[in-house]
Amino acid sequence: MKNIPLQVNIEGQASSVDTDWLAIMATLKKRGLQQDELMGVYLELTSGMRVTTRGLSLAKINPNLELHGIIRETKFSANDYASMMRA
């Protein structure tokens, strides 16, 4: 199993944290998951599924996923901002 970046939510809470598989795997072992169950969770995560187990919701973070032309960061220079304030 390779280390993968994950987003983790505690069930019932809106906040989330970014962590990795090795840290979550240790937590899940402490919460009673066996090796074959851990492998199942890992395979579901790497296939892109969201997994809920032992009070945690886990999702793989895919930093390479970009929607070119659909989502982009809007950038303004200081001059643009000043012209918006004058208008």
Protein backbone atom coordinates (compact mmCIF):
# COMPACT_ATOMS: atom_id res chain seq x y z
CA MET A 1 0.00 0.00 0.00
CA LYS A 2 1.36 3.36 -1.02
CA ASN A 3 0.85 6.51 1.01
CA ILE A 4 -1.92 8.67 -0.49
CA PRO A 5 -3.25 12.11 0.55
CA LEU A 6 -6.66 12.00 2.19
CA GLN A 7 -9.36 14.37 3.35
CA VAL A 8 -10.93 13.16 6.59
CA ASN A 9 -14.16 14.22 8.29
CA ILE A 10 -15.37 13.06 11.67
CA GLU A 11 -18.96 11.92 11.13
CA GLY A 12 -21.45 14.57 12.15
CA GLN A 13 -19.02 17.47 11.83
CA ALA A 14 -18.65 19.88 8.93
CA SER A 15 -14.91 20.49 9.31
CA SER A 16 -12.29 18.31 7.65
CA VAL A 17 -8.53 17.80 7.80
CA ASP A 18 -6.00 16.79 5.18
CA THR A 19 -3.81 13.88 6.18
CA ASP A 20 -2.35 10.73 4.63
CA TRP A 21 -3.07 7.02 4.46
CA LEU A 22 -0.31 5.96 6.86
CA ALA A 23 -1.66 8.17 9.65
CA ILE A 24 -5.26 7.06 9.11
CA MET A 25 -4.24 3.41 8.79
CA ALA A 26 -2.68 3.56 12.26
CA THR A 27 -5.87 5.14 13.65
CA LEU A 28 -8.07 2.52 12.01
CA LYS A 29 -5.89 -0.29 13.39
CA LYS A 30 -6.36 1.15 16.89
CA ARG A 31 -10.12 1.19 16.22
CA GLY A 32 -10.11 -2.53 15.44
CA LEU A 33 -9.81 -2.93 11.66
CA GLN A 34 -7.97 -6.06 10.55
CA GLN A 35 -5.42 -6.12 7.71
CA ASP A 36 -7.89 -7.43 5.10
CA GLU A 37 -10.42 -4.74 6.08
CA LEU A 38 -7.70 -2.07 5.80
CA MET A 39 -6.84 -3.37 2.32
CA GLY A 40 -10.51 -3.09 1.33
CA VAL A 41 -10.70 0.51 2.53
CA TYR A 42 -7.45 1.33 0.72
CA LEU A 43 -8.68 -0.18 -2.56
CA GLU A 44 -11.97 1.74 -2.34
CA LEU A 45 -10.09 5.00 -1.70
CA THR A 46 -7.66 4.50 -4.58
CA SER A 47 -10.57 3.79 -6.91
CA GLY A 48 -12.02 7.22 -6.06
CA MET A 49 -14.75 6.19 -3.66
CA ARG A 50 -15.61 7.98 -0.44
CA VAL A 51 -15.39 5.56 2.51
CA THR A 52 -17.07 5.82 5.89
CA THR A 53 -15.77 3.57 8.66
CA ARG A 54 -15.30 3.71 12.42
CA GLY A 55 -16.74 7.23 12.68
CA LEU A 56 -14.56 8.70 9.92
CA SER A 57 -15.38 9.69 6.35
CA LEU A 58 -12.35 9.36 4.08
CA ALA A 59 -11.76 10.62 0.54
CA LYS A 60 -8.66 10.59 -1.62
CA ILE A 61 -7.32 14.01 -2.56
CA ASN A 62 -6.45 14.10 -6.24
CA PRO A 63 -4.16 17.12 -6.78
CA ASN A 64 -3.82 16.35 -10.51
CA LEU A 65 -7.52 16.85 -11.20
CA GLU A 66 -7.95 20.21 -12.87
CA LEU A 67 -10.89 21.30 -14.95
CA HIS A 68 -9.16 23.54 -17.47
CA GLY A 69 -11.41 26.32 -18.68
CA ILE A 70 -14.15 25.56 -16.16
CA ILE A 71 -12.61 26.39 -12.81
CA ARG A 72 -9.80 28.88 -12.64
CA GLU A 73 -8.34 31.20 -10.08
CA THR A 74 -9.22 34.82 -10.70
CA LYS A 75 -6.23 37.11 -10.33
CA PHE A 76 -6.31 40.87 -9.94
CA SER A 77 -3.37 43.21 -9.89
CA ALA A 78 -3.16 46.23 -7.60
CA ASN A 79 -4.00 48.46 -10.59
CA ASP A 80 -7.16 46.46 -11.34
CA TYR A 81 -8.27 46.81 -7.74
CA ALA A 82 -7.63 50.56 -7.76
CA SER A 83 -9.67 51.01 -10.96
CA MET A 84 -12.55 49.03 -9.44
CA MET A 85 -12.57 51.34 -6.42
CA ARG A 86 -12.73 54.48 -8.63
CA ALA A 87 -15.69 53.27 -10.66
